[in-house]
């Protein structure tokens, strides 16, 4: 079987790449090298949610407890509100068994927690990928700094602009959602003492605003979805004036509590919200993809990072059953077959969730919108949060074996 003599390159040292490195080392027992183009491991200073389906994976990888210590578990269910702060429905951010809850994480803290579980000697910084080439034996990776090396397999965890994906002949066009997001954090000590320690989403006037606690409730993350064509006319992201954000939620039609929260924001930045249509293939020979490189999705279901974490567990589970290096392409094909459908469903689900939050298309009828959001609570638990990436991969392996020996 594959072992520590098997050399795997993971291109991308973000949340997906680091989780993949941990899973491949602990479950498949291979030798992993992580290549990151930046000068240090890190993420922009905003929040991300570790959902129950990903927490289950991180627990099995032995890294959940330090993540919990760095993050913030909410006091209870989150809430969806109309523009004036009236309750539409609650949001059950936990799995059915209540073993795992959402954890609000400051992105730099999550990177740090994952990096602690990766041997620092296996991480190569300042390595921007230039090309990937499949050889008769192995895969050559070449970097802009002149370094090149040959590995038994390559995993592309290099995001929406993935270079590894190009080697698979997959060139999806980015699809702009029509929305950009203002993001950032607020010092929680500045909030009113009775501010709820839960996630809150205000929805109205074709836009929405979400906030939730991070860093043992010392910080509050915020993200606001705003219709705009700005990302089509230049860069996809950049710094923004807080006054721009405040103007989007000004006036008598918005909850004064939300307006007070916005008044406490010191700085913000904006991102264009892009995704792409599901790929037709993630793998070719000993090369495969995970995370945004494979399935960039909008953030409205909070599943982008969580799906990368699921990918990592599934990939490691399939790779662990390879008898030798020559079986890696088949392991990657099986991984792709199992993961493509789930992530495609969630890609489209994230688009649909954005349409609901912003009362677009069929959800312009607010009664229908609100009814769908209420129904979605239990669906999210069963279809998203209860999903066990390792068990699904193991069941798929059993089916593959039956077909192989039939």
Protein backbone atom coordinates (compact mmCIF):
# COMPACT_ATOMS: atom_id res chain seq x y z
CA UNK A 1 0.00 0.00 0.00
CA UNK A 2 1.02 3.63 -0.27
CA UNK A 3 3.12 4.76 2.68
CA UNK A 4 5.58 7.43 3.80
CA UNK A 5 7.74 6.77 0.75
CA UNK A 6 4.86 8.00 -1.43
CA UNK A 7 5.38 11.71 -2.15
CA UNK A 8 2.30 13.91 -2.54
CA UNK A 9 2.43 17.63 -3.37
CA UNK A 10 -0.40 19.80 -2.09
CA UNK A 11 -0.47 23.11 -3.95
CA UNK A 12 -2.02 25.75 -1.72
CA UNK A 13 -1.48 26.33 1.99
CA UNK A 14 -4.93 27.64 2.84
CA UNK A 15 -7.58 25.97 4.97
CA UNK A 16 -8.23 23.18 2.46
CA UNK A 17 -4.59 22.51 1.70
CA UNK A 18 -3.59 22.30 5.36
CA UNK A 19 -6.49 20.01 6.22
CA UNK A 20 -5.57 17.80 3.29
CA UNK A 21 -1.99 17.61 4.53
CA UNK A 22 -3.19 16.52 7.99
CA UNK A 23 -5.63 13.93 6.62
CA UNK A 24 -3.21 12.47 4.07
CA UNK A 25 -0.51 12.14 6.72
CA UNK A 26 -2.69 10.64 9.46
CA UNK A 27 -5.00 8.44 7.38
CA UNK A 28 -3.06 7.54 4.25
CA UNK A 29 0.40 7.71 5.86
CA UNK A 30 2.00 9.40 2.86
CA UNK A 31 4.74 12.01 2.72
CA UNK A 32 3.12 15.40 2.03
CA UNK A 33 4.75 18.64 0.92
CA UNK A 34 2.63 21.81 0.97
CA UNK A 35 3.50 24.61 -1.45
CA UNK A 36 2.18 28.10 -0.68
CA UNK A 37 2.75 31.15 -2.85
CA UNK A 38 2.64 33.66 0.05
CA UNK A 39 5.55 34.46 2.34
CA UNK A 40 3.65 33.09 5.35
CA UNK A 41 0.64 30.95 6.10
CA UNK A 42 -2.33 33.21 6.73
CA UNK A 43 -5.75 34.42 5.68
CA UNK A 44 -7.44 37.78 5.56
CA UNK A 45 -8.79 38.94 8.89
CA UNK A 46 -12.41 37.90 8.64
CA UNK A 47 -14.58 35.11 9.94
CA UNK A 48 -15.51 31.65 8.79
CA UNK A 49 -17.86 29.06 10.27
CA UNK A 50 -16.73 25.51 10.99
CA UNK A 51 -20.02 23.69 10.49
CA UNK A 52 -20.93 20.36 12.16
CA UNK A 53 -20.15 18.32 9.03
CA UNK A 54 -16.59 19.68 9.02
CA UNK A 55 -16.23 19.60 12.81
CA UNK A 56 -16.87 15.85 12.64
CA UNK A 57 -13.92 15.48 10.25
CA UNK A 58 -11.64 17.70 12.32
CA UNK A 59 -12.55 15.73 15.44
CA UNK A 60 -11.44 12.47 13.80
CA UNK A 61 -8.23 14.15 12.69
CA UNK A 62 -7.55 15.16 16.29
CA UNK A 63 -7.57 18.92 15.75
CA UNK A 64 -11.08 19.95 16.80
CA UNK A 65 -10.37 20.78 20.44
CA UNK A 66 -7.75 23.50 19.80
CA UNK A 67 -10.07 24.93 17.15
CA UNK A 68 -12.92 25.06 19.67
CA UNK A 69 -10.61 26.81 22.13
CA UNK A 70 -9.78 29.48 19.57
CA UNK A 71 -13.31 29.88 18.22
CA UNK A 72 -16.74 30.73 19.56
CA UNK A 73 -19.68 28.37 19.97
CA UNK A 74 -22.95 30.35 19.94
CA UNK A 75 -25.36 30.41 22.87
CA UNK A 76 -28.02 28.68 20.81
CA UNK A 77 -29.84 28.83 17.52
CA UNK A 78 -29.17 31.70 15.19
CA UNK A 79 -31.96 33.86 13.80
CA UNK A 80 -33.15 35.12 10.42
CA UNK A 81 -34.75 38.55 10.72
CA UNK A 82 -36.54 40.91 8.40
CA UNK A 83 -35.09 44.37 7.76
CA UNK A 84 -36.64 45.78 10.95
CA UNK A 85 -35.39 42.94 13.13
CA UNK A 86 -38.58 40.89 13.36
CA UNK A 87 -38.07 37.14 13.61
CA UNK A 88 -38.58 35.10 10.45
CA UNK A 89 -37.25 31.81 11.84
CA UNK A 90 -34.48 30.42 13.95
CA UNK A 91 -31.51 28.56 12.48
CA UNK A 92 -30.42 25.29 14.07
CA UNK A 93 -26.64 25.38 13.70
CA UNK A 94 -26.04 21.85 14.97
CA UNK A 95 -26.31 18.27 13.77
CA UNK A 96 -29.32 16.13 14.62
CA UNK A 97 -27.50 14.25 17.39
CA UNK A 98 -26.29 17.60 18.83
CA UNK A 99 -22.75 16.28 18.94
CA UNK A 100 -21.38 19.19 16.90
CA UNK A 101 -22.32 22.86 16.68
CA UNK A 102 -21.21 25.69 14.47
CA UNK A 103 -17.94 27.25 15.59
CA UNK A 104 -17.27 30.86 14.60
CA UNK A 105 -13.58 31.16 13.67
CA UNK A 106 -11.33 34.10 12.91
CA UNK A 107 -9.61 32.89 9.73
CA UNK A 108 -6.03 33.54 10.95
CA UNK A 109 -6.81 31.51 14.09
CA UNK A 110 -8.10 28.58 12.06
CA UNK A 111 -5.03 28.65 9.83
CA UNK A 112 -2.83 28.71 12.94
CA UNK A 113 -4.65 25.75 14.53
CA UNK A 114 -4.34 23.65 11.39
CA UNK A 115 -0.72 24.66 10.81
CA UNK A 116 0.16 23.44 14.31
CA UNK A 117 -0.79 19.93 13.18
CA UNK A 118 1.44 20.06 10.08
CA UNK A 119 5.19 19.47 10.25
CA UNK A 120 6.68 22.91 9.44
CA UNK A 121 9.53 21.22 7.55
CA UNK A 122 6.99 20.02 4.98
CA UNK A 123 5.72 23.52 4.12
CA UNK A 124 7.38 25.51 1.32
CA UNK A 125 6.53 29.22 1.33
CA UNK A 126 7.13 31.69 -1.53
CA UNK A 127 6.36 28.99 -4.11
CA UNK A 128 3.96 30.24 -6.79
CA UNK A 129 3.09 27.40 -9.16
CA UNK A 130 3.99 27.91 -12.80
CA UNK A 131 3.11 24.56 -14.38
CA UNK A 132 2.14 20.94 -13.78
CA UNK A 133 3.28 18.17 -16.12
CA UNK A 134 2.37 14.48 -16.02
CA UNK A 135 5.38 12.24 -16.71
CA UNK A 136 5.66 8.54 -17.46
CA UNK A 137 6.26 8.15 -13.75
CA UNK A 138 4.96 10.90 -11.49
CA UNK A 139 4.12 14.58 -11.88
CA UNK A 140 6.53 17.47 -12.30
CA UNK A 141 5.68 20.77 -10.62
CA UNK A 142 7.57 23.93 -11.59
CA UNK A 143 7.48 27.19 -9.67
CA UNK A 144 8.14 30.79 -10.62
CA UNK A 145 11.15 30.90 -8.28
CA UNK A 146 12.89 28.30 -10.46
CA UNK A 147 12.30 25.32 -8.19
CA UNK A 148 10.94 22.13 -9.73
CA UNK A 149 10.36 18.66 -8.35
CA UNK A 150 8.68 15.37 -9.24
CA UNK A 151 6.02 13.80 -7.02
CA UNK A 152 3.95 10.64 -7.16
CA UNK A 153 0.79 12.77 -7.20
CA UNK A 154 -0.34 16.40 -7.03
CA UNK A 155 -3.40 17.85 -5.30
CA UNK A 156 -4.58 21.29 -6.32
CA UNK A 157 -5.92 23.25 -3.35
CA UNK A 158 -5.08 26.54 -5.04
CA UNK A 159 -8.44 28.25 -5.15
CA UNK A 160 -10.73 29.75 -7.76
CA UNK A 161 -7.78 30.76 -9.98
CA UNK A 162 -6.25 27.27 -9.74
CA UNK A 163 -3.20 26.57 -11.90
CA UNK A 164 -3.45 22.84 -11.16
CA UNK A 165 -6.97 22.81 -12.60
CA UNK A 166 -5.59 23.96 -15.96
CA UNK A 167 -3.60 20.71 -16.13
CA UNK A 168 -6.90 18.82 -16.11
CA UNK A 169 -8.21 20.74 -19.10
CA UNK A 170 -10.87 22.38 -16.93
CA UNK A 171 -11.23 26.12 -17.57
CA UNK A 172 -14.51 27.26 -15.99
CA UNK A 173 -15.55 30.85 -16.54
CA UNK A 174 -16.07 32.73 -13.25
CA UNK A 175 -19.76 33.59 -12.83
CA UNK A 176 -20.48 36.89 -11.11
CA UNK A 177 -23.46 36.74 -8.75
CA UNK A 178 -24.36 40.42 -9.14
CA UNK A 179 -23.38 40.94 -5.51
CA UNK A 180 -20.33 41.95 -3.54
CA UNK A 181 -19.74 41.44 0.16
CA UNK A 182 -18.43 43.86 2.76
CA UNK A 183 -16.54 41.91 5.41
CA UNK A 184 -14.63 42.46 8.62
CA UNK A 185 -14.71 42.15 12.39
CA UNK A 186 -15.83 44.30 15.34
CA UNK A 187 -14.37 44.31 18.84
CA UNK A 188 -17.15 42.65 20.86
CA UNK A 189 -16.42 44.85 23.90
CA UNK A 190 -17.92 47.76 21.96
CA UNK A 191 -21.29 46.05 21.54
CA UNK A 192 -24.20 46.54 23.96
CA UNK A 193 -24.02 44.21 26.95
CA UNK A 194 -27.21 42.45 25.90
CA UNK A 195 -26.02 41.76 22.34
CA UNK A 196 -26.97 38.12 21.52
CA UNK A 197 -24.05 35.71 21.25
CA UNK A 198 -25.57 33.99 18.23
CA UNK A 199 -25.62 34.45 14.47
CA UNK A 200 -28.10 37.04 13.19
CA UNK A 201 -29.13 37.72 9.59
CA UNK A 202 -31.14 40.79 8.56
CA UNK A 203 -32.83 40.49 5.15
CA UNK A 204 -34.44 43.27 3.14
CA UNK A 205 -34.33 45.55 0.09
CA UNK A 206 -32.33 43.07 -2.05
CA UNK A 207 -29.48 42.86 0.43
CA UNK A 208 -28.64 41.19 3.72
CA UNK A 209 -26.33 41.57 6.71
CA UNK A 210 -25.00 38.74 8.89
CA UNK A 211 -22.94 38.75 12.09
CA UNK A 212 -21.76 36.10 14.56
CA UNK A 213 -19.18 35.75 17.37
CA UNK A 214 -15.54 34.69 16.99
CA UNK A 215 -12.45 34.20 19.16
CA UNK A 216 -14.15 33.20 22.42
CA UNK A 217 -16.63 36.04 21.78
CA UNK A 218 -13.95 38.74 21.78
CA UNK A 219 -14.73 39.57 18.15
CA UNK A 220 -17.85 39.67 15.99
CA UNK A 221 -17.64 38.81 12.33
CA UNK A 222 -19.84 40.61 9.82
CA UNK A 223 -20.62 40.10 6.15
CA UNK A 224 -23.05 42.16 4.10
CA UNK A 225 -24.26 41.15 0.63
CA UNK A 226 -24.90 44.19 -1.61
CA UNK A 227 -25.96 44.34 -5.28
CA UNK A 228 -23.21 46.00 -7.34
CA UNK A 229 -21.46 45.87 -10.69
CA UNK A 230 -18.16 47.11 -9.18
CA UNK A 231 -16.37 43.72 -9.44
CA UNK A 232 -17.00 43.69 -13.19
CA UNK A 233 -15.19 46.99 -13.73
CA UNK A 234 -11.77 46.29 -12.20
CA UNK A 235 -10.36 44.32 -9.25
CA UNK A 236 -12.48 41.68 -7.57
CA UNK A 237 -11.74 42.98 -4.05
CA UNK A 238 -10.25 45.87 -2.15
CA UNK A 239 -10.51 48.18 0.89
CA UNK A 240 -13.76 50.08 1.39
CA UNK A 241 -15.03 53.02 3.39
CA UNK A 242 -17.31 52.12 6.29
CA UNK A 243 -19.54 55.00 5.18
CA UNK A 244 -20.24 53.06 1.95
CA UNK A 245 -21.50 50.12 3.97
CA UNK A 246 -23.50 52.31 6.36
CA UNK A 247 -25.27 53.99 3.44
CA UNK A 248 -26.52 50.60 2.20
CA UNK A 249 -28.46 50.05 5.45
CA UNK A 250 -29.44 53.63 6.26
CA UNK A 251 -32.96 54.99 6.67
CA UNK A 252 -36.15 54.12 8.51
CA UNK A 253 -36.51 50.79 6.72
CA UNK A 254 -33.71 49.11 8.65
CA UNK A 255 -33.43 47.94 12.25
CA UNK A 256 -31.76 50.62 14.45
CA UNK A 257 -29.87 47.81 16.24
CA UNK A 258 -28.25 46.83 12.96
CA UNK A 259 -27.41 50.45 12.22
CA UNK A 260 -25.79 50.73 15.65
CA UNK A 261 -23.69 47.64 14.96
CA UNK A 262 -22.49 49.17 11.68
CA UNK A 263 -21.61 52.41 13.50
CA UNK A 264 -19.09 50.43 15.59
CA UNK A 265 -17.15 49.15 12.56
CA UNK A 266 -13.68 50.69 12.19
CA UNK A 267 -12.72 49.24 8.83
CA UNK A 268 -14.01 46.93 6.13
CA UNK A 269 -13.08 45.52 2.75
CA UNK A 270 -15.15 44.23 -0.13
CA UNK A 271 -15.12 41.08 -2.23
CA UNK A 272 -16.91 40.32 -5.45
CA UNK A 273 -18.97 37.16 -5.07
CA UNK A 274 -18.10 34.75 -7.87
CA UNK A 275 -18.51 31.05 -8.36
CA UNK A 276 -18.40 28.72 -11.37
CA UNK A 277 -20.53 25.98 -12.83
CA UNK A 278 -19.73 22.45 -11.59
CA UNK A 279 -16.72 20.93 -13.34
CA UNK A 280 -17.06 17.89 -15.58
CA UNK A 281 -14.02 16.25 -14.00
CA UNK A 282 -11.69 16.86 -11.04
CA UNK A 283 -9.01 14.27 -11.70
CA UNK A 284 -6.67 13.15 -14.45
CA UNK A 285 -4.18 10.39 -13.67
CA UNK A 286 -2.20 11.28 -10.51
CA UNK A 287 -3.58 14.86 -10.34
CA UNK A 288 -6.73 15.93 -8.53
CA UNK A 289 -8.41 18.97 -6.97
CA UNK A 290 -10.11 19.92 -3.73
CA UNK A 291 -11.83 22.94 -2.22
CA UNK A 292 -12.41 26.08 -4.27
CA UNK A 293 -10.19 24.77 -7.08
CA UNK A 294 -12.77 22.02 -7.61
CA UNK A 295 -16.04 23.66 -6.58
CA UNK A 296 -15.95 27.39 -5.93
CA UNK A 297 -19.27 28.32 -4.34
CA UNK A 298 -20.97 31.43 -3.02
CA UNK A 299 -20.79 31.92 0.76
CA UNK A 300 -24.52 31.97 1.50
CA UNK A 301 -24.63 28.47 3.00
CA UNK A 302 -21.29 28.86 4.76
CA UNK A 303 -20.04 25.63 3.17
CA UNK A 304 -17.00 26.63 1.08
CA UNK A 305 -14.34 25.83 3.68
CA UNK A 306 -16.42 23.00 5.11
CA UNK A 307 -16.60 21.23 1.77
CA UNK A 308 -12.83 21.49 1.40
CA UNK A 309 -12.52 19.79 4.80
CA UNK A 310 -14.91 17.04 3.69
CA UNK A 311 -12.87 16.66 0.49
CA UNK A 312 -9.73 16.15 2.53
CA UNK A 313 -11.21 13.30 4.56
CA UNK A 314 -12.68 11.58 1.50
CA UNK A 315 -9.46 11.91 -0.47
CA UNK A 316 -7.34 10.49 2.34
CA UNK A 317 -9.79 7.60 2.85
CA UNK A 318 -9.62 6.58 -0.81
CA UNK A 319 -5.86 7.05 -1.06
CA UNK A 320 -5.28 4.90 2.02
CA UNK A 321 -6.68 1.87 0.16
CA UNK A 322 -4.33 2.18 -2.82
CA UNK A 323 -2.06 -0.88 -2.97
CA UNK A 324 0.81 1.07 -4.51
CA UNK A 325 1.60 4.26 -6.43
CA UNK A 326 0.13 2.87 -9.64
CA UNK A 327 -3.29 2.75 -7.94
CA UNK A 328 -3.36 6.48 -7.13
CA UNK A 329 -5.20 7.48 -10.34
CA UNK A 330 -7.99 5.03 -9.52
CA UNK A 331 -8.18 6.32 -5.94
CA UNK A 332 -8.49 9.86 -7.31
CA UNK A 333 -11.21 8.80 -9.77
CA UNK A 334 -13.21 7.22 -6.94
CA UNK A 335 -12.78 10.31 -4.79
CA UNK A 336 -14.02 12.49 -7.65
CA UNK A 337 -17.01 10.24 -8.34
CA UNK A 338 -18.14 10.47 -4.72
CA UNK A 339 -17.53 14.17 -4.13
CA UNK A 340 -18.69 15.80 -7.37
CA UNK A 341 -22.43 15.31 -6.86
CA UNK A 342 -22.50 16.56 -3.27
CA UNK A 343 -20.52 19.69 -3.99
CA UNK A 344 -22.52 20.46 -7.15
CA UNK A 345 -25.73 20.31 -5.09
CA UNK A 346 -24.23 22.71 -2.56
CA UNK A 347 -22.92 25.04 -5.25
CA UNK A 348 -26.44 25.45 -6.58
CA UNK A 349 -27.85 25.50 -3.06
CA UNK A 350 -25.61 28.43 -2.17
CA UNK A 351 -26.91 30.37 -5.15
CA UNK A 352 -30.48 29.59 -4.08
CA UNK A 353 -29.78 30.68 -0.49
CA UNK A 354 -28.46 34.02 -1.75
CA UNK A 355 -31.63 34.51 -3.79
CA UNK A 356 -33.70 33.82 -0.67
CA UNK A 357 -31.77 36.22 1.56
CA UNK A 358 -32.10 38.99 -1.01
CA UNK A 359 -35.69 38.26 -2.13
CA UNK A 360 -34.69 37.64 -5.74
CA UNK A 361 -36.49 35.72 -8.49
CA UNK A 362 -39.26 33.49 -7.08
CA UNK A 363 -38.38 34.68 -3.57
CA UNK A 364 -39.58 38.21 -4.33
CA UNK A 365 -42.77 36.83 -2.74
CA UNK A 366 -41.70 37.26 0.89
CA UNK A 367 -44.23 34.75 2.20
CA UNK A 368 -42.67 32.11 -0.05
CA UNK A 369 -39.17 33.27 0.90
CA UNK A 370 -39.88 33.05 4.61
CA UNK A 371 -41.59 29.66 4.29
CA UNK A 372 -38.63 28.25 2.38
CA UNK A 373 -36.16 29.53 4.97
CA UNK A 374 -38.18 27.89 7.76
CA UNK A 375 -38.33 24.56 5.94
CA UNK A 376 -34.63 24.79 5.15
CA UNK A 377 -33.65 24.59 8.81
CA UNK A 378 -34.35 20.87 9.18
CA UNK A 379 -33.14 20.11 5.65
CA UNK A 380 -29.81 21.74 6.47
CA UNK A 381 -29.43 19.54 9.53
CA UNK A 382 -30.12 16.26 7.76
CA UNK A 383 -28.58 16.90 4.34
CA UNK A 384 -25.63 19.09 5.28
CA UNK A 385 -24.71 18.88 8.97
CA UNK A 386 -25.33 15.14 9.49
CA UNK A 387 -23.16 14.19 6.50
CA UNK A 388 -20.23 11.98 7.49
CA UNK A 389 -17.55 12.30 4.80
CA UNK A 390 -15.51 9.37 6.10
CA UNK A 391 -18.44 6.95 6.32
CA UNK A 392 -19.71 7.95 2.88
CA UNK A 393 -16.26 7.28 1.42
CA UNK A 394 -15.99 3.92 3.20
CA UNK A 395 -19.43 2.83 1.94
CA UNK A 396 -18.46 3.88 -1.57
CA UNK A 397 -15.27 1.83 -1.31
CA UNK A 398 -17.32 -1.23 -0.39
CA UNK A 399 -19.49 -0.71 -3.49
CA UNK A 400 -16.46 -0.22 -5.72
CA UNK A 401 -14.97 -3.48 -4.45
CA UNK A 402 -18.17 -5.40 -5.17
CA UNK A 403 -18.16 -4.10 -8.74
CA UNK A 404 -14.45 -4.87 -9.13
CA UNK A 405 -14.82 -8.50 -8.06
CA UNK A 406 -18.24 -9.20 -9.57
